[in-house]
N, C-alpha and C. Protein backbone atom coordinates (compact mmCIF):
# COMPACT_ATOMS: atom_id res chain seq x y z
N MET A 1 0.82 -1.17 0.05
CA MET A 1 0.05 0.03 -0.06
C MET A 1 0.93 1.26 0.00
N LYS A 2 0.43 2.25 -0.67
CA LYS A 2 1.09 3.53 -0.72
C LYS A 2 0.17 4.61 -0.22
N ARG A 3 0.70 5.51 0.66
CA ARG A 3 -0.03 6.61 1.08
C ARG A 3 0.53 7.93 0.57
N ILE A 4 -0.33 8.70 -0.15
CA ILE A 4 0.14 9.84 -0.82
C ILE A 4 -0.40 11.11 -0.11
N LEU A 5 0.44 12.11 0.04
CA LEU A 5 0.09 13.41 0.53
C LEU A 5 0.02 14.31 -0.68
N GLY A 6 -1.10 14.86 -1.00
CA GLY A 6 -1.27 15.78 -2.08
C GLY A 6 -1.24 17.29 -1.49
N ILE A 7 -0.57 18.18 -2.06
CA ILE A 7 -0.51 19.53 -1.59
C ILE A 7 -0.72 20.51 -2.69
N ASP A 8 -1.68 21.36 -2.50
CA ASP A 8 -1.91 22.57 -3.29
C ASP A 8 -1.44 23.81 -2.61
N PRO A 9 -0.21 24.26 -2.84
CA PRO A 9 0.48 25.33 -2.03
C PRO A 9 -0.10 26.64 -2.22
N GLY A 10 -0.14 27.49 -1.20
CA GLY A 10 -0.53 28.85 -1.23
C GLY A 10 -0.15 29.53 0.18
N LEU A 11 0.08 30.91 -0.09
CA LEU A 11 0.42 31.62 1.26
C LEU A 11 -0.72 31.82 2.15
N LEU A 12 -1.98 31.91 1.52
CA LEU A 12 -3.11 32.21 2.39
C LEU A 12 -3.87 30.82 2.73
N HIS A 13 -3.86 29.88 1.74
CA HIS A 13 -4.48 28.62 1.84
C HIS A 13 -3.64 27.52 1.27
N THR A 14 -3.18 26.60 2.06
CA THR A 14 -2.47 25.55 1.53
C THR A 14 -3.33 24.26 1.70
N GLY A 15 -3.84 23.79 0.61
CA GLY A 15 -4.68 22.65 0.60
C GLY A 15 -3.86 21.34 0.66
N TRP A 16 -4.40 20.32 1.40
CA TRP A 16 -3.75 19.11 1.58
C TRP A 16 -4.72 17.93 1.53
N ALA A 17 -4.23 16.86 1.14
CA ALA A 17 -5.06 15.55 1.10
C ALA A 17 -4.26 14.36 1.25
N ILE A 18 -4.84 13.39 1.93
CA ILE A 18 -4.15 12.08 2.14
C ILE A 18 -5.12 11.01 1.44
N ILE A 19 -4.48 10.19 0.58
CA ILE A 19 -5.24 9.08 0.04
C ILE A 19 -4.27 7.84 0.00
N ASP A 20 -4.83 6.64 0.26
CA ASP A 20 -4.15 5.42 0.19
C ASP A 20 -4.49 4.80 -1.13
N VAL A 21 -3.36 4.05 -1.71
CA VAL A 21 -3.40 3.39 -2.99
C VAL A 21 -2.87 2.04 -2.90
N GLN A 22 -3.63 1.04 -3.34
CA GLN A 22 -3.36 -0.30 -3.39
C GLN A 22 -3.83 -0.90 -4.59
N GLY A 23 -2.90 -1.18 -5.68
CA GLY A 23 -3.32 -1.63 -6.90
C GLY A 23 -4.18 -0.65 -7.62
N SER A 24 -5.29 -0.85 -7.99
CA SER A 24 -6.29 0.09 -8.72
C SER A 24 -7.20 0.76 -7.69
N GLU A 25 -7.10 0.38 -6.46
CA GLU A 25 -7.97 1.01 -5.39
C GLU A 25 -7.41 2.31 -4.83
N ARG A 26 -8.31 3.29 -4.65
CA ARG A 26 -7.98 4.54 -4.15
C ARG A 26 -8.85 4.78 -2.97
N LYS A 27 -8.35 5.16 -1.82
CA LYS A 27 -9.19 5.34 -0.63
C LYS A 27 -8.85 6.73 -0.09
N TYR A 28 -9.85 7.53 0.11
CA TYR A 28 -9.80 8.85 0.74
C TYR A 28 -9.57 8.62 2.18
N ILE A 29 -8.60 9.37 2.74
CA ILE A 29 -8.35 9.28 4.21
C ILE A 29 -8.70 10.54 4.90
N ALA A 30 -8.17 11.72 4.39
CA ALA A 30 -8.42 13.08 5.05
C ALA A 30 -7.94 14.12 4.02
N SER A 31 -8.52 15.26 4.40
CA SER A 31 -8.05 16.51 3.61
C SER A 31 -8.38 17.71 4.44
N GLY A 32 -7.80 18.85 4.05
CA GLY A 32 -8.07 20.02 4.79
C GLY A 32 -7.24 21.22 4.22
N VAL A 33 -7.21 22.35 4.91
CA VAL A 33 -6.44 23.46 4.44
C VAL A 33 -5.58 24.05 5.62
N ILE A 34 -4.37 24.35 5.40
CA ILE A 34 -3.53 25.01 6.31
C ILE A 34 -3.78 26.59 6.10
N LEU A 35 -4.17 27.19 7.15
CA LEU A 35 -4.49 28.58 7.06
C LEU A 35 -3.59 29.49 8.00
N PRO A 36 -2.51 29.97 7.29
CA PRO A 36 -1.69 30.89 8.24
C PRO A 36 -2.45 32.10 8.52
N PRO A 37 -2.19 32.75 9.70
CA PRO A 37 -2.86 34.01 9.89
C PRO A 37 -2.37 35.03 8.86
N THR A 38 -3.30 35.89 8.37
CA THR A 38 -2.93 36.82 7.40
C THR A 38 -2.27 38.05 7.91
N LYS A 39 -2.24 38.29 9.12
CA LYS A 39 -1.66 39.55 9.75
C LYS A 39 -0.18 39.29 10.12
N ILE A 40 0.36 38.03 9.89
CA ILE A 40 1.74 37.82 10.38
C ILE A 40 2.76 38.07 9.18
N ALA A 41 3.93 38.19 9.56
CA ALA A 41 5.02 38.54 8.56
C ALA A 41 5.25 37.20 7.63
N LEU A 42 5.75 37.46 6.49
CA LEU A 42 6.01 36.46 5.49
C LEU A 42 6.73 35.23 6.11
N ALA A 43 7.89 35.55 6.79
CA ALA A 43 8.67 34.42 7.47
C ALA A 43 7.80 33.62 8.33
N GLU A 44 7.03 34.25 9.16
CA GLU A 44 6.17 33.53 10.03
C GLU A 44 5.13 32.72 9.44
N ARG A 45 4.57 33.21 8.27
CA ARG A 45 3.58 32.44 7.48
C ARG A 45 4.27 31.27 6.80
N LEU A 46 5.46 31.37 6.35
CA LEU A 46 6.15 30.22 5.82
C LEU A 46 6.45 29.19 6.89
N ALA A 47 6.84 29.70 8.12
CA ALA A 47 7.10 28.67 9.20
C ALA A 47 5.69 27.95 9.56
N PHE A 48 4.64 28.65 9.41
CA PHE A 48 3.35 28.19 9.77
C PHE A 48 2.95 27.08 8.77
N ILE A 49 3.31 27.23 7.53
CA ILE A 49 3.05 26.25 6.43
C ILE A 49 4.00 25.06 6.73
N PHE A 50 5.28 25.38 6.91
CA PHE A 50 6.26 24.30 7.11
C PHE A 50 5.75 23.45 8.24
N ASN A 51 5.47 24.09 9.41
CA ASN A 51 5.03 23.22 10.57
C ASN A 51 3.75 22.48 10.36
N GLY A 52 2.80 23.11 9.66
CA GLY A 52 1.61 22.39 9.34
C GLY A 52 1.82 21.14 8.47
N VAL A 53 2.64 21.30 7.45
CA VAL A 53 3.00 20.09 6.64
C VAL A 53 3.81 19.18 7.36
N SER A 54 4.63 19.53 8.22
CA SER A 54 5.40 18.59 9.03
C SER A 54 4.50 17.84 9.99
N GLU A 55 3.58 18.43 10.62
CA GLU A 55 2.55 17.78 11.36
C GLU A 55 1.83 16.78 10.68
N LEU A 56 1.38 17.11 9.31
CA LEU A 56 0.62 16.13 8.55
C LEU A 56 1.52 14.88 8.23
N CYS A 57 2.78 15.10 8.07
CA CYS A 57 3.67 14.00 7.82
C CYS A 57 3.82 13.12 9.01
N GLU A 58 3.88 13.68 10.19
CA GLU A 58 3.93 12.94 11.39
C GLU A 58 2.60 12.16 11.72
N THR A 59 1.48 12.85 11.46
CA THR A 59 0.16 12.18 11.79
C THR A 59 -0.14 11.14 10.78
N PHE A 60 0.15 11.34 9.52
CA PHE A 60 -0.41 10.38 8.54
C PHE A 60 0.65 9.51 7.90
N GLN A 61 1.91 9.79 8.14
CA GLN A 61 3.07 8.96 7.56
C GLN A 61 2.91 8.69 6.12
N PRO A 62 2.86 9.63 5.29
CA PRO A 62 2.82 9.35 3.82
C PRO A 62 4.11 8.79 3.31
N ASN A 63 4.01 7.97 2.22
CA ASN A 63 5.14 7.37 1.56
C ASN A 63 5.74 8.24 0.57
N GLU A 64 4.73 9.07 -0.09
CA GLU A 64 5.09 9.87 -1.21
C GLU A 64 4.22 11.21 -1.14
N CYS A 65 4.79 12.17 -1.73
CA CYS A 65 4.10 13.54 -1.81
C CYS A 65 3.99 14.02 -3.23
N SER A 66 2.83 14.55 -3.62
CA SER A 66 2.74 15.18 -4.85
C SER A 66 2.22 16.65 -4.66
N ILE A 67 2.80 17.48 -5.40
CA ILE A 67 2.58 18.92 -5.26
C ILE A 67 2.45 19.60 -6.56
N GLU A 68 1.64 20.62 -6.62
CA GLU A 68 1.35 21.30 -7.91
C GLU A 68 2.57 22.22 -8.23
N VAL A 69 3.03 22.26 -9.49
CA VAL A 69 3.99 23.07 -9.91
C VAL A 69 3.43 24.53 -10.17
N ILE A 70 4.03 25.58 -9.73
CA ILE A 70 3.42 26.91 -9.90
C ILE A 70 3.58 27.31 -11.32
N PHE A 71 2.58 28.02 -11.73
CA PHE A 71 2.65 28.59 -13.09
C PHE A 71 2.98 30.06 -13.02
N VAL A 72 3.64 30.59 -13.93
CA VAL A 72 4.07 31.96 -13.93
C VAL A 72 2.90 32.78 -14.40
N ASN A 73 2.33 33.64 -13.56
CA ASN A 73 1.30 34.52 -14.05
C ASN A 73 1.76 35.86 -14.37
N LYS A 74 0.81 36.77 -14.51
CA LYS A 74 1.25 38.12 -15.02
C LYS A 74 1.95 38.84 -13.92
N ASN A 75 1.52 38.68 -12.67
CA ASN A 75 2.17 39.27 -11.54
C ASN A 75 3.28 38.58 -11.00
N GLY A 76 4.63 38.94 -11.38
CA GLY A 76 5.79 38.24 -10.88
C GLY A 76 5.87 38.19 -9.39
N LYS A 77 5.46 39.22 -8.71
CA LYS A 77 5.56 39.18 -7.18
C LYS A 77 4.66 38.08 -6.63
N THR A 78 3.49 37.91 -7.16
CA THR A 78 2.60 36.88 -6.81
C THR A 78 3.11 35.45 -6.95
N THR A 79 3.76 35.36 -8.18
CA THR A 79 4.41 34.02 -8.46
C THR A 79 5.54 33.68 -7.52
N LEU A 80 6.38 34.73 -7.22
CA LEU A 80 7.46 34.51 -6.33
C LEU A 80 6.93 34.13 -4.95
N LEU A 81 5.90 34.81 -4.35
CA LEU A 81 5.41 34.56 -3.15
C LEU A 81 4.87 33.13 -3.08
N LEU A 82 4.19 32.72 -4.05
CA LEU A 82 3.62 31.38 -4.21
C LEU A 82 4.75 30.38 -4.15
N GLY A 83 5.86 30.75 -4.79
CA GLY A 83 7.03 29.78 -4.74
C GLY A 83 7.59 29.73 -3.40
N HIS A 84 7.56 30.70 -2.61
CA HIS A 84 7.99 30.66 -1.23
C HIS A 84 7.14 29.69 -0.46
N ALA A 85 5.77 29.73 -0.50
CA ALA A 85 4.89 28.81 0.11
C ALA A 85 5.16 27.30 -0.30
N ARG A 86 5.33 27.20 -1.61
CA ARG A 86 5.59 25.77 -2.20
C ARG A 86 6.94 25.28 -1.62
N ALA A 87 7.90 26.16 -1.52
CA ALA A 87 9.16 25.72 -0.95
C ALA A 87 9.07 25.34 0.43
N ALA A 88 8.31 26.06 1.26
CA ALA A 88 8.08 25.68 2.63
C ALA A 88 7.43 24.28 2.74
N ALA A 89 6.47 24.00 1.98
CA ALA A 89 5.75 22.71 1.99
C ALA A 89 6.77 21.61 1.54
N ILE A 90 7.41 21.79 0.45
CA ILE A 90 8.35 20.82 -0.03
C ILE A 90 9.45 20.48 0.92
N THR A 91 10.10 21.50 1.50
CA THR A 91 11.05 21.40 2.50
C THR A 91 10.62 20.49 3.80
N ALA A 92 9.32 20.75 4.18
CA ALA A 92 8.84 20.13 5.35
C ALA A 92 8.71 18.61 4.93
N VAL A 93 8.35 18.33 3.71
CA VAL A 93 8.32 16.90 3.29
C VAL A 93 9.71 16.21 3.13
N ALA A 94 10.54 17.04 2.50
CA ALA A 94 11.89 16.56 2.20
C ALA A 94 12.62 16.20 3.34
N VAL A 95 12.63 17.00 4.48
CA VAL A 95 13.26 16.64 5.60
C VAL A 95 12.85 15.40 6.38
N LYS A 96 11.75 14.91 5.99
CA LYS A 96 11.21 13.65 6.55
C LYS A 96 11.65 12.47 5.51
N ASN A 97 12.44 12.82 4.50
CA ASN A 97 12.91 11.89 3.46
C ASN A 97 11.72 11.15 2.71
N ILE A 98 10.64 11.97 2.44
CA ILE A 98 9.57 11.53 1.70
C ILE A 98 9.78 12.02 0.30
N PRO A 99 9.73 11.18 -0.71
CA PRO A 99 10.00 11.68 -2.16
C PRO A 99 8.81 12.57 -2.59
N VAL A 100 9.21 13.68 -3.35
CA VAL A 100 8.23 14.68 -3.75
C VAL A 100 8.12 14.54 -5.25
N PHE A 101 6.88 14.56 -5.80
CA PHE A 101 6.63 14.49 -7.22
C PHE A 101 5.86 15.71 -7.54
N GLU A 102 6.15 16.29 -8.72
CA GLU A 102 5.56 17.63 -9.14
C GLU A 102 4.67 17.48 -10.39
N TYR A 103 3.55 18.11 -10.38
CA TYR A 103 2.65 18.08 -11.44
C TYR A 103 2.12 19.40 -11.85
N GLU A 104 2.16 19.69 -13.15
CA GLU A 104 1.63 21.01 -13.65
C GLU A 104 0.10 21.02 -13.50
N PRO A 105 -0.49 22.16 -13.40
CA PRO A 105 -2.00 22.29 -13.25
C PRO A 105 -2.71 21.57 -14.42
N ASN A 106 -2.30 21.81 -15.59
CA ASN A 106 -2.97 21.16 -16.76
C ASN A 106 -2.85 19.73 -16.79
N LYS A 107 -1.74 19.14 -16.28
CA LYS A 107 -1.58 17.65 -16.19
C LYS A 107 -2.56 17.11 -15.24
N VAL A 108 -2.74 17.81 -14.12
CA VAL A 108 -3.66 17.36 -13.00
C VAL A 108 -5.12 17.35 -13.64
N LYS A 109 -5.46 18.43 -14.30
CA LYS A 109 -6.80 18.53 -14.85
C LYS A 109 -7.01 17.46 -15.92
N LYS A 110 -5.98 17.26 -16.78
CA LYS A 110 -6.11 16.20 -17.76
C LYS A 110 -6.09 14.82 -17.23
N ALA A 111 -5.36 14.50 -16.15
CA ALA A 111 -5.36 13.20 -15.65
C ALA A 111 -6.71 12.85 -14.99
N LEU A 112 -7.50 13.82 -14.46
CA LEU A 112 -8.72 13.54 -13.88
C LEU A 112 -9.93 13.74 -14.78
N THR A 113 -9.94 14.53 -15.83
CA THR A 113 -11.05 14.90 -16.62
C THR A 113 -10.75 14.59 -18.09
N SER A 114 -9.55 14.28 -18.49
CA SER A 114 -9.20 14.29 -19.87
C SER A 114 -9.20 15.53 -20.61
N ILE A 115 -9.38 16.56 -19.88
CA ILE A 115 -9.45 18.01 -20.38
C ILE A 115 -8.32 18.79 -19.67
N GLY A 116 -7.33 19.19 -20.43
CA GLY A 116 -6.28 20.05 -19.81
C GLY A 116 -6.58 21.40 -19.31
N HIS A 117 -7.84 21.88 -19.79
CA HIS A 117 -8.22 23.17 -19.24
C HIS A 117 -9.61 23.11 -18.48
N ALA A 118 -9.75 21.95 -17.82
CA ALA A 118 -11.05 21.72 -17.09
C ALA A 118 -11.14 22.88 -16.01
N ASP A 119 -12.50 23.09 -15.75
CA ASP A 119 -12.66 24.17 -14.64
C ASP A 119 -12.90 23.46 -13.32
N LYS A 120 -12.95 24.15 -12.25
CA LYS A 120 -13.04 23.75 -10.90
C LYS A 120 -14.28 22.76 -10.69
N ASP A 121 -15.36 23.12 -11.22
CA ASP A 121 -16.60 22.30 -11.17
C ASP A 121 -16.33 20.89 -11.73
N GLN A 122 -15.71 20.92 -12.96
CA GLN A 122 -15.46 19.59 -13.64
C GLN A 122 -14.49 18.77 -12.81
N ILE A 123 -13.52 19.36 -12.06
CA ILE A 123 -12.60 18.63 -11.23
C ILE A 123 -13.40 18.05 -9.95
N TYR A 124 -14.18 18.90 -9.43
CA TYR A 124 -14.99 18.47 -8.29
C TYR A 124 -15.94 17.26 -8.54
N LYS A 125 -16.56 17.46 -9.74
CA LYS A 125 -17.51 16.30 -10.12
C LYS A 125 -16.70 14.96 -10.35
N MET A 126 -15.52 15.09 -10.94
CA MET A 126 -14.73 13.82 -11.01
C MET A 126 -14.20 13.37 -9.75
N LEU A 127 -13.83 14.20 -8.83
CA LEU A 127 -13.48 13.69 -7.48
C LEU A 127 -14.63 13.01 -6.84
N SER A 128 -15.87 13.55 -7.03
CA SER A 128 -17.02 12.88 -6.37
C SER A 128 -17.27 11.47 -6.90
N ILE A 129 -16.82 11.25 -8.12
CA ILE A 129 -16.92 9.94 -8.71
C ILE A 129 -15.84 9.08 -8.35
N LEU A 130 -14.64 9.51 -8.41
CA LEU A 130 -13.46 8.68 -8.07
C LEU A 130 -13.28 8.40 -6.61
N LEU A 131 -13.62 9.43 -5.78
CA LEU A 131 -13.49 9.23 -4.25
C LEU A 131 -14.74 9.72 -3.63
N PRO A 132 -15.78 8.97 -3.66
CA PRO A 132 -17.15 9.37 -3.26
C PRO A 132 -17.18 9.77 -1.71
N THR A 133 -16.30 9.38 -0.96
CA THR A 133 -16.33 9.64 0.48
C THR A 133 -15.56 11.02 0.80
N ALA A 134 -14.89 11.61 -0.30
CA ALA A 134 -14.29 12.79 -0.10
C ALA A 134 -15.29 14.03 -0.28
N HIS A 135 -15.34 14.89 0.64
CA HIS A 135 -16.21 16.04 0.46
C HIS A 135 -15.46 17.39 0.76
N PRO A 136 -14.61 17.81 -0.18
CA PRO A 136 -13.83 18.99 0.07
C PRO A 136 -14.78 20.15 0.23
N LYS A 137 -14.31 20.98 1.23
CA LYS A 137 -15.11 22.20 1.52
C LYS A 137 -14.56 23.48 0.74
N THR A 138 -13.36 23.41 0.21
CA THR A 138 -12.82 24.48 -0.48
C THR A 138 -12.10 24.07 -1.80
N ALA A 139 -11.88 25.00 -2.72
CA ALA A 139 -11.22 24.68 -3.98
C ALA A 139 -9.74 24.28 -3.63
N ASP A 140 -9.06 24.79 -2.65
CA ASP A 140 -7.78 24.38 -2.29
C ASP A 140 -7.67 22.94 -1.81
N GLU A 141 -8.67 22.52 -1.05
CA GLU A 141 -8.78 21.10 -0.60
C GLU A 141 -9.03 20.23 -1.74
N SER A 142 -9.88 20.66 -2.63
CA SER A 142 -10.31 19.83 -3.81
C SER A 142 -9.10 19.67 -4.76
N ASP A 143 -8.37 20.73 -4.89
CA ASP A 143 -7.17 20.68 -5.72
C ASP A 143 -6.16 19.75 -5.09
N ALA A 144 -6.01 19.76 -3.82
CA ALA A 144 -5.05 18.84 -3.28
C ALA A 144 -5.35 17.40 -3.35
N ILE A 145 -6.67 17.12 -3.33
CA ILE A 145 -7.16 15.76 -3.56
C ILE A 145 -6.82 15.40 -4.98
N ALA A 146 -7.12 16.22 -5.92
CA ALA A 146 -6.85 16.13 -7.36
C ALA A 146 -5.39 15.80 -7.63
N ILE A 147 -4.50 16.50 -7.01
CA ILE A 147 -3.11 16.30 -7.13
C ILE A 147 -2.67 14.94 -6.58
N ALA A 148 -3.10 14.55 -5.49
CA ALA A 148 -2.89 13.19 -4.94
C ALA A 148 -3.34 12.11 -5.81
N LEU A 149 -4.50 12.26 -6.31
CA LEU A 149 -5.15 11.25 -7.33
C LEU A 149 -4.28 11.23 -8.63
N THR A 150 -3.95 12.42 -9.06
CA THR A 150 -3.01 12.40 -10.35
C THR A 150 -1.78 11.61 -9.99
N HIS A 151 -1.14 11.79 -8.93
CA HIS A 151 0.10 10.90 -8.62
C HIS A 151 -0.26 9.48 -8.50
N ALA A 152 -1.28 9.21 -7.85
CA ALA A 152 -1.74 7.79 -7.81
C ALA A 152 -1.99 7.09 -9.09
N ASN A 153 -2.52 7.95 -10.02
CA ASN A 153 -2.97 7.43 -11.40
C ASN A 153 -1.68 7.41 -12.35
N THR A 154 -0.75 8.21 -12.09
CA THR A 154 0.33 8.41 -13.10
C THR A 154 1.63 7.73 -12.61
N SER A 155 1.82 7.63 -11.25
CA SER A 155 3.17 7.22 -10.76
C SER A 155 3.50 5.80 -11.13
N ARG A 156 2.50 4.93 -11.41
CA ARG A 156 2.74 3.53 -11.64
C ARG A 156 3.38 3.46 -13.15
N PHE A 157 3.31 4.51 -13.89
CA PHE A 157 3.85 4.58 -15.19
C PHE A 157 5.26 5.17 -15.26
N THR A 158 5.75 5.76 -14.11
CA THR A 158 7.02 6.44 -14.16
C THR A 158 8.07 5.65 -13.44
């Protein structure tokens, strides 16, 4: 059995999900969102994300981690800040010696819906079919589940 931690990084909302994989079976375990306080300094926010992901690793003992690759948007500062959040999450996993696998947003969408530019509703509908016990409350949580599922469905081919 393989346990996957999926992460959708963000400075304000870092979505996470845990799924178990055995052969072709996928089992939803848990998901949520790490919410750093918005009024704290950047360094403190990054530490909050790092500590939150570290705690997830301790609690759920994943064998592998999948995380979304950031895309460069029009605002370079936003992209850079998102990269900081992503680095905090990756470092928290890496210090636990858990392998990290990275997926582009379009690859995640295509892996779940066969459409590289699927919208959030299409992703959510597929998640409800593939993991009917998962009931994400936010888009960040839904994205983290999708990232974990993408790894579950593609890692056997790599």
